[in-house]
Amino acid sequence: MFASPAETLTGLERAGYFTDIKMATAIFLAGSIHRPILLEGPAGAGKTELASSTARTLRVPLLRLQCYQGIDEEKAIGQYDRSLQELYVLLMSRSIQTPDWAQIKREITSRAYFMAGPLLEAIEEEEPCVLLIDEIDKVDYAFEAMLLELLSVWTLSIPRMGTVHATSIPLVFLTSNQERRLGDPLRRRCFYLVVEHPNAEREAVIVASRTPQVGAATHRFIAGLAKSLRAYTLEKPPSISEMNDVAMAMELLEINRILPAHKEIILPLIAKTEGDRKRLLMKEAFESIVRMAAKFAEQITQDTAGEDAKVLVRSETGQ
């Protein structure tokens, strides 16, 4: 895994994920002492991307279990290949006059006849991988309880097969959009991190990493637009990836800032519900958002200039 918090932070930035030393330290510690990380926060804030970026940084496979209402253990752990089991039983019954049914039963319930799901795949990897259990808040408490064995002692108990011990221990990320409160037993086993939408300065850096051809002024405007939209009463505030889409659209349309006249063009990128579309179609609403975006962008420019000046003074004074 990572050698230090600083290496973690640098690696994530190289992978295109911009965070701070506090989060990098938590990831470093979790990987070092084999603890899962629970990431909670609004949808689109970068929780799933953090797991993906960590896998890219470590150059290891990312195995993902996408949770949903009604998911069961077979989807998560795996299931026996029934057609292969039946074929084996048929062949044995025809090729041997007196089949050893006990031996046949042991054979068809062995690992060779079991198709692994993401959880089993993760602990059978020769080298540690990154395991993402995405949107864990969509499952029920029974499914949570099933995960406790894996996240505590890194084993999985499979009916008729027995207990499978981990070959390697993955770095586990669990994400939650807080649709329901997760149980305390699961929380106790995890490092807990809240992932919020980035501040405007960091979002400008994120957008710049995705669209380097676009000018810095446009990056700051998009970050200001994101802040303005999230402060508005939208049913679905825009995610980081959606603001990256806005940046790419502006690049393709060869515009460096959004004006009220661009409303009809931009709305499909930022309004993802009928309610939000109707709100933003109102002239005063969209004009107000664009105006606030320009003010936020100007503030980012001033703050960035101030930070650059401080760095210059420190370098000149040797501090």
Protein backbone atom coordinates (compact mmCIF):
# COMPACT_ATOMS: atom_id res chain seq x y z
CA MET A 1 0.00 0.00 0.00
CA PHE A 2 1.14 3.59 0.53
CA ALA A 3 4.38 4.38 2.35
CA SER A 4 3.25 7.64 3.98
CA PRO A 5 0.42 10.21 4.06
CA ALA A 6 2.46 12.55 1.85
CA GLU A 7 2.97 9.82 -0.75
CA THR A 8 -0.77 9.09 -0.62
CA LEU A 9 -1.64 12.75 -1.26
CA THR A 10 0.87 13.08 -4.10
CA GLY A 11 -0.28 9.83 -5.70
CA LEU A 12 -3.95 10.82 -5.61
CA GLU A 13 -3.14 14.18 -7.19
CA ARG A 14 -1.24 12.45 -9.99
CA ALA A 15 -4.33 10.29 -10.54
CA GLY A 16 -6.44 13.46 -10.81
CA TYR A 17 -8.05 13.39 -7.35
CA PHE A 18 -7.40 16.55 -5.34
CA THR A 19 -7.91 16.34 -1.61
CA ASP A 20 -6.09 17.32 1.61
CA ILE A 21 -3.56 15.73 3.93
CA LYS A 22 -6.25 14.76 6.47
CA MET A 23 -8.02 12.48 4.02
CA ALA A 24 -4.72 11.19 2.65
CA THR A 25 -3.61 10.30 6.18
CA ALA A 26 -6.83 8.38 6.84
CA ILE A 27 -6.38 6.37 3.63
CA PHE A 28 -2.73 5.65 4.49
CA LEU A 29 -3.65 4.44 7.99
CA ALA A 30 -6.60 2.37 6.79
CA GLY A 31 -4.43 0.56 4.26
CA SER A 32 -1.66 0.02 6.79
CA ILE A 33 -3.77 -1.47 9.59
CA HIS A 34 -6.37 -3.15 7.36
CA ARG A 35 -9.48 -1.15 8.18
CA PRO A 36 -12.29 -0.31 5.75
CA ILE A 37 -13.14 3.32 5.02
CA LEU A 38 -16.72 4.54 5.18
CA LEU A 39 -17.29 7.57 2.96
CA GLU A 40 -20.49 9.53 3.55
CA GLY A 41 -21.68 12.65 1.77
CA PRO A 42 -23.93 14.00 -0.97
CA ALA A 43 -24.22 12.27 -4.33
CA GLY A 44 -21.65 13.46 -6.84
CA ALA A 45 -19.13 14.71 -4.28
CA GLY A 46 -16.40 12.29 -5.37
CA LYS A 47 -16.76 9.27 -3.06
CA THR A 48 -16.69 6.62 -5.79
CA GLU A 49 -13.97 8.50 -7.65
CA LEU A 50 -11.78 8.43 -4.53
CA ALA A 51 -11.83 4.62 -4.56
CA SER A 52 -11.15 4.54 -8.30
CA SER A 53 -8.28 7.04 -7.98
CA THR A 54 -6.76 5.05 -5.12
CA ALA A 55 -6.75 1.91 -7.28
CA ARG A 56 -5.15 3.80 -10.17
CA THR A 57 -2.55 5.29 -7.84
CA LEU A 58 -1.64 1.89 -6.40
CA ARG A 59 -1.89 0.26 -9.84
CA VAL A 60 -4.07 -2.52 -8.48
CA PRO A 61 -7.44 -3.89 -9.65
CA LEU A 62 -10.64 -2.16 -8.54
CA LEU A 63 -13.42 -4.64 -7.71
CA ARG A 64 -16.85 -3.08 -7.30
CA LEU A 65 -20.02 -4.28 -5.62
CA GLN A 66 -22.87 -1.97 -6.63
CA CYS A 67 -25.52 -2.14 -3.92
CA TYR A 68 -29.26 -1.84 -4.49
CA GLN A 69 -32.48 -2.71 -2.70
CA GLY A 70 -32.94 -6.46 -2.65
CA ILE A 71 -29.33 -7.44 -3.31
CA ASP A 72 -28.53 -10.83 -1.80
CA GLU A 73 -25.47 -12.82 -0.79
CA GLU A 74 -25.31 -14.61 -4.14
CA LYS A 75 -24.72 -11.31 -5.95
CA ALA A 76 -22.10 -10.24 -3.41
CA ILE A 77 -20.24 -13.47 -2.59
CA GLY A 78 -21.15 -15.75 -5.51
CA GLN A 79 -23.08 -18.91 -6.23
CA TYR A 80 -22.60 -22.49 -7.32
CA ASP A 81 -22.63 -23.23 -11.04
CA ARG A 82 -25.68 -25.49 -10.99
CA SER A 83 -25.39 -26.56 -14.62
CA LEU A 84 -21.79 -27.66 -14.07
CA GLN A 85 -22.78 -29.50 -10.87
CA GLU A 86 -25.57 -31.34 -12.68
CA LEU A 87 -23.27 -32.24 -15.55
CA TYR A 88 -20.67 -33.70 -13.16
CA VAL A 89 -23.30 -35.74 -11.29
CA LEU A 90 -24.65 -37.07 -14.59
CA LEU A 91 -21.21 -38.09 -15.84
CA MET A 92 -20.28 -39.79 -12.57
CA SER A 93 -23.57 -41.68 -12.39
CA ARG A 94 -23.12 -43.01 -15.92
CA SER A 95 -19.40 -43.82 -15.76
CA ILE A 96 -19.33 -45.61 -12.42
CA GLN A 97 -21.52 -48.58 -11.52
CA THR A 98 -21.62 -47.75 -7.82
CA PRO A 99 -21.05 -43.99 -7.46
CA ASP A 100 -19.63 -42.67 -4.19
CA TRP A 101 -22.35 -40.12 -3.60
CA ALA A 102 -20.66 -38.66 -0.54
CA GLN A 103 -17.52 -37.98 -2.57
CA ILE A 104 -19.57 -36.54 -5.41
CA LYS A 105 -21.33 -34.21 -2.97
CA ARG A 106 -17.99 -33.04 -1.59
CA GLU A 107 -16.73 -32.42 -5.11
CA ILE A 108 -19.68 -30.39 -6.39
CA THR A 109 -19.68 -28.19 -3.27
CA SER A 110 -15.98 -27.41 -3.59
CA ARG A 111 -14.51 -24.11 -4.74
CA ALA A 112 -14.08 -25.45 -8.27
CA TYR A 113 -17.86 -25.33 -8.82
CA PHE A 114 -18.41 -21.91 -7.22
CA MET A 115 -18.64 -18.73 -9.30
CA ALA A 116 -17.14 -15.91 -7.23
CA GLY A 117 -18.80 -12.54 -6.71
CA PRO A 118 -16.89 -9.30 -5.97
CA LEU A 119 -16.40 -9.97 -2.24
CA LEU A 120 -14.89 -13.41 -2.74
CA GLU A 121 -12.85 -12.25 -5.72
CA ALA A 122 -11.35 -9.45 -3.61
CA ILE A 123 -10.02 -11.68 -0.84
CA GLU A 124 -8.75 -14.31 -3.31
CA GLU A 125 -6.50 -11.84 -5.15
CA GLU A 126 -2.82 -12.76 -4.87
CA GLU A 127 -1.95 -9.14 -4.09
CA PRO A 128 -4.17 -6.61 -2.25
CA CYS A 129 -6.70 -4.86 -4.45
CA VAL A 130 -9.18 -2.03 -3.86
CA LEU A 131 -12.72 -3.20 -3.07
CA LEU A 132 -15.51 -0.65 -3.54
CA ILE A 133 -18.86 -1.41 -1.88
CA ASP A 134 -20.87 1.38 -3.46
CA GLU A 135 -24.06 2.92 -2.01
CA ILE A 136 -24.18 0.66 1.03
CA ASP A 137 -27.08 2.76 2.37
CA LYS A 138 -29.38 1.09 -0.19
CA VAL A 139 -29.19 -2.36 1.47
CA ASP A 140 -30.94 -3.60 4.59
CA TYR A 141 -29.47 -4.42 8.00
CA ALA A 142 -29.32 -8.15 7.21
CA PHE A 143 -26.95 -7.48 4.33
CA GLU A 144 -24.89 -5.19 6.57
CA ALA A 145 -24.61 -8.02 9.08
CA MET A 146 -23.29 -10.35 6.37
CA LEU A 147 -20.47 -7.88 5.70
CA LEU A 148 -19.32 -7.83 9.32
CA GLU A 149 -17.45 -11.14 9.06
CA LEU A 150 -15.53 -9.95 6.02
CA LEU A 151 -14.66 -6.57 7.50
CA SER A 152 -13.69 -7.99 10.90
CA VAL A 153 -11.66 -11.16 10.31
CA TRP A 154 -11.36 -11.15 6.51
CA THR A 155 -13.13 -14.45 5.97
CA LEU A 156 -16.34 -15.47 4.21
CA SER A 157 -18.56 -18.34 5.33
CA ILE A 158 -20.14 -20.05 2.33
CA PRO A 159 -22.90 -22.64 2.86
CA ARG A 160 -21.77 -26.25 2.14
CA MET A 161 -18.25 -25.08 1.26
CA GLY A 162 -17.10 -23.71 4.60
CA THR A 163 -14.98 -20.71 5.56
CA VAL A 164 -12.75 -19.05 2.99
CA HIS A 165 -9.79 -17.15 4.45
CA ALA A 166 -8.36 -14.12 2.68
CA THR A 167 -5.29 -14.67 0.52
CA SER A 168 -4.73 -10.91 0.66
CA ILE A 169 -6.58 -8.14 2.48
CA PRO A 170 -8.10 -5.52 0.18
CA LEU A 171 -8.34 -1.82 0.86
CA VAL A 172 -12.11 -1.44 1.25
CA PHE A 173 -14.15 1.68 0.55
CA LEU A 174 -17.84 1.80 1.47
CA THR A 175 -19.84 4.75 0.13
CA SER A 176 -23.13 6.12 1.42
CA ASN A 177 -25.35 8.95 0.19
CA GLN A 178 -27.00 8.89 3.64
CA GLU A 179 -30.38 7.66 2.40
CA ARG A 180 -30.58 5.82 5.73
CA ARG A 181 -28.43 5.58 8.82
CA LEU A 182 -26.00 2.68 8.77
CA GLY A 183 -25.81 0.38 11.77
CA ASP A 184 -23.31 0.96 14.56
CA PRO A 185 -21.62 -2.48 14.22
CA LEU A 186 -20.62 -1.59 10.66
CA ARG A 187 -19.52 1.92 11.63
CA ARG A 188 -17.33 0.60 14.46
CA ARG A 189 -15.25 -1.38 12.00
CA CYS A 190 -14.56 1.54 9.68
CA PHE A 191 -12.56 4.71 9.42
CA TYR A 192 -15.17 7.41 8.87
CA LEU A 193 -14.75 10.24 6.37
CA VAL A 194 -17.24 12.87 5.23
CA VAL A 195 -16.81 13.77 1.56
CA GLU A 196 -18.38 17.12 0.72
CA HIS A 197 -18.40 18.98 -2.57
CA PRO A 198 -15.03 20.75 -2.93
CA ASN A 199 -14.63 24.46 -2.26
CA ALA A 200 -14.47 26.73 -5.29
CA GLU A 201 -10.67 26.93 -5.37
CA ARG A 202 -10.26 23.15 -5.36
CA GLU A 203 -13.03 22.66 -7.90
CA ALA A 204 -11.24 25.07 -10.25
CA VAL A 205 -8.15 22.87 -9.94
CA ILE A 206 -10.21 19.72 -10.62
CA VAL A 207 -11.84 21.24 -13.70
CA ALA A 208 -8.41 22.43 -14.93
CA SER A 209 -7.07 18.88 -14.69
CA ARG A 210 -9.91 17.61 -16.92
CA THR A 211 -9.86 20.46 -19.45
CA PRO A 212 -6.28 21.83 -19.57
CA GLN A 213 -6.89 23.54 -22.93
CA VAL A 214 -9.45 25.88 -21.39
CA GLY A 215 -8.14 29.09 -19.82
CA ALA A 216 -7.79 29.62 -16.08
CA ALA A 217 -10.52 32.28 -16.11
CA THR A 218 -13.00 29.73 -17.47
CA HIS A 219 -11.97 27.19 -14.84
CA ARG A 220 -12.63 29.74 -12.12
CA PHE A 221 -15.98 30.68 -13.65
CA ILE A 222 -17.10 27.03 -13.73
CA ALA A 223 -16.07 26.61 -10.10
CA GLY A 224 -18.06 29.73 -9.27
CA LEU A 225 -21.02 28.39 -11.22
CA ALA A 226 -20.89 25.12 -9.28
CA LYS A 227 -20.89 27.01 -5.98
CA SER A 228 -23.76 29.20 -7.14
CA LEU A 229 -25.87 26.25 -8.31
CA ARG A 230 -25.29 24.26 -5.12
CA ALA A 231 -26.33 27.25 -3.04
CA TYR A 232 -29.58 27.46 -5.00
CA THR A 233 -32.66 25.40 -4.04
CA LEU A 234 -32.19 22.60 -6.56
CA GLU A 235 -33.60 19.10 -6.16
CA LYS A 236 -30.35 17.69 -7.53
CA PRO A 237 -27.30 19.94 -7.14
CA PRO A 238 -24.65 19.35 -9.83
CA SER A 239 -21.88 16.84 -9.19
CA ILE A 240 -18.19 17.39 -9.88
CA SER A 241 -18.40 15.26 -13.02
CA GLU A 242 -21.33 17.32 -14.31
CA MET A 243 -19.32 20.52 -13.91
CA ASN A 244 -16.52 18.86 -15.87
CA ASP A 245 -19.11 18.23 -18.60
CA VAL A 246 -19.95 21.94 -18.55
CA ALA A 247 -16.27 22.77 -18.98
CA MET A 248 -15.95 20.45 -21.98
CA ALA A 249 -19.14 21.87 -23.49
CA MET A 250 -17.81 25.42 -23.15
CA GLU A 251 -14.57 24.35 -24.81
CA LEU A 252 -16.45 22.80 -27.74
CA LEU A 253 -18.73 25.84 -28.08
CA GLU A 254 -15.72 28.17 -27.80
CA ILE A 255 -17.17 30.30 -25.00
CA ASN A 256 -15.19 31.28 -21.91
CA ARG A 257 -18.12 32.19 -19.68
CA ILE A 258 -21.84 31.50 -19.55
CA LEU A 259 -24.23 34.37 -20.21
CA PRO A 260 -28.02 34.53 -19.73
CA ALA A 261 -28.35 34.03 -23.48
CA HIS A 262 -26.79 30.57 -23.12
CA LYS A 263 -29.55 29.32 -20.83
CA GLU A 264 -31.23 26.94 -23.28
CA ILE A 265 -27.88 25.43 -24.27
CA ILE A 266 -26.58 24.88 -20.75
CA LEU A 267 -29.77 23.72 -19.01
CA PRO A 268 -29.54 20.07 -20.23
CA LEU A 269 -26.13 19.85 -18.54
CA ILE A 270 -27.09 21.27 -15.13
CA ALA A 271 -30.85 20.67 -14.65
CA LYS A 272 -31.50 16.93 -14.25
CA THR A 273 -35.09 17.00 -12.95
CA GLU A 274 -38.23 18.64 -14.34
CA GLY A 275 -38.54 20.72 -11.17
CA ASP A 276 -35.00 22.07 -11.48
CA ARG A 277 -35.48 22.77 -15.17
CA LYS A 278 -38.59 24.86 -14.47
CA ARG A 279 -36.79 26.79 -11.72
CA LEU A 280 -33.82 27.61 -13.93
CA LEU A 281 -36.00 28.52 -16.89
CA MET A 282 -37.16 31.55 -14.96
CA LYS A 283 -35.24 34.55 -16.27
CA GLU A 284 -34.45 36.02 -12.86
CA ALA A 285 -33.22 32.70 -11.48
CA PHE A 286 -30.72 31.91 -14.22
CA GLU A 287 -29.47 35.50 -14.44
CA SER A 288 -28.96 35.55 -10.68
CA ILE A 289 -27.00 32.27 -10.76
CA VAL A 290 -24.76 33.49 -13.59
CA ARG A 291 -24.18 36.80 -11.83
CA MET A 292 -23.24 35.05 -8.58
CA ALA A 293 -20.95 32.67 -10.50
CA ALA A 294 -19.03 35.66 -11.87
CA LYS A 295 -18.66 37.10 -8.35
CA PHE A 296 -17.44 33.79 -6.95
CA ALA A 297 -14.98 33.49 -9.83
CA GLU A 298 -13.64 36.96 -9.08
CA GLN A 299 -13.24 35.99 -5.43
CA ILE A 300 -11.28 32.87 -6.44
CA THR A 301 -8.99 35.07 -8.55
CA GLN A 302 -8.35 37.41 -5.63
CA ASP A 303 -7.76 34.54 -3.19
CA THR A 304 -5.40 32.80 -5.62
CA ALA A 305 -3.45 36.02 -6.16
CA GLY A 306 -3.19 36.48 -2.40
CA GLU A 307 -1.85 32.96 -1.90
CA ASP A 308 0.66 33.41 -4.73
CA ALA A 309 1.87 36.65 -3.13
CA LYS A 310 2.36 34.90 0.23
CA VAL A 311 4.36 32.11 -1.41
CA LEU A 312 6.53 34.69 -3.19
CA VAL A 313 7.21 36.57 0.04
CA ARG A 314 8.12 33.36 1.86
CA SER A 315 10.49 32.32 -0.93
CA GLU A 316 12.19 35.73 -0.98
CA THR A 317 12.61 35.82 2.79
CA GLY A 318 13.72 32.18 2.97
CA GLN A 319 10.89 31.22 5.29
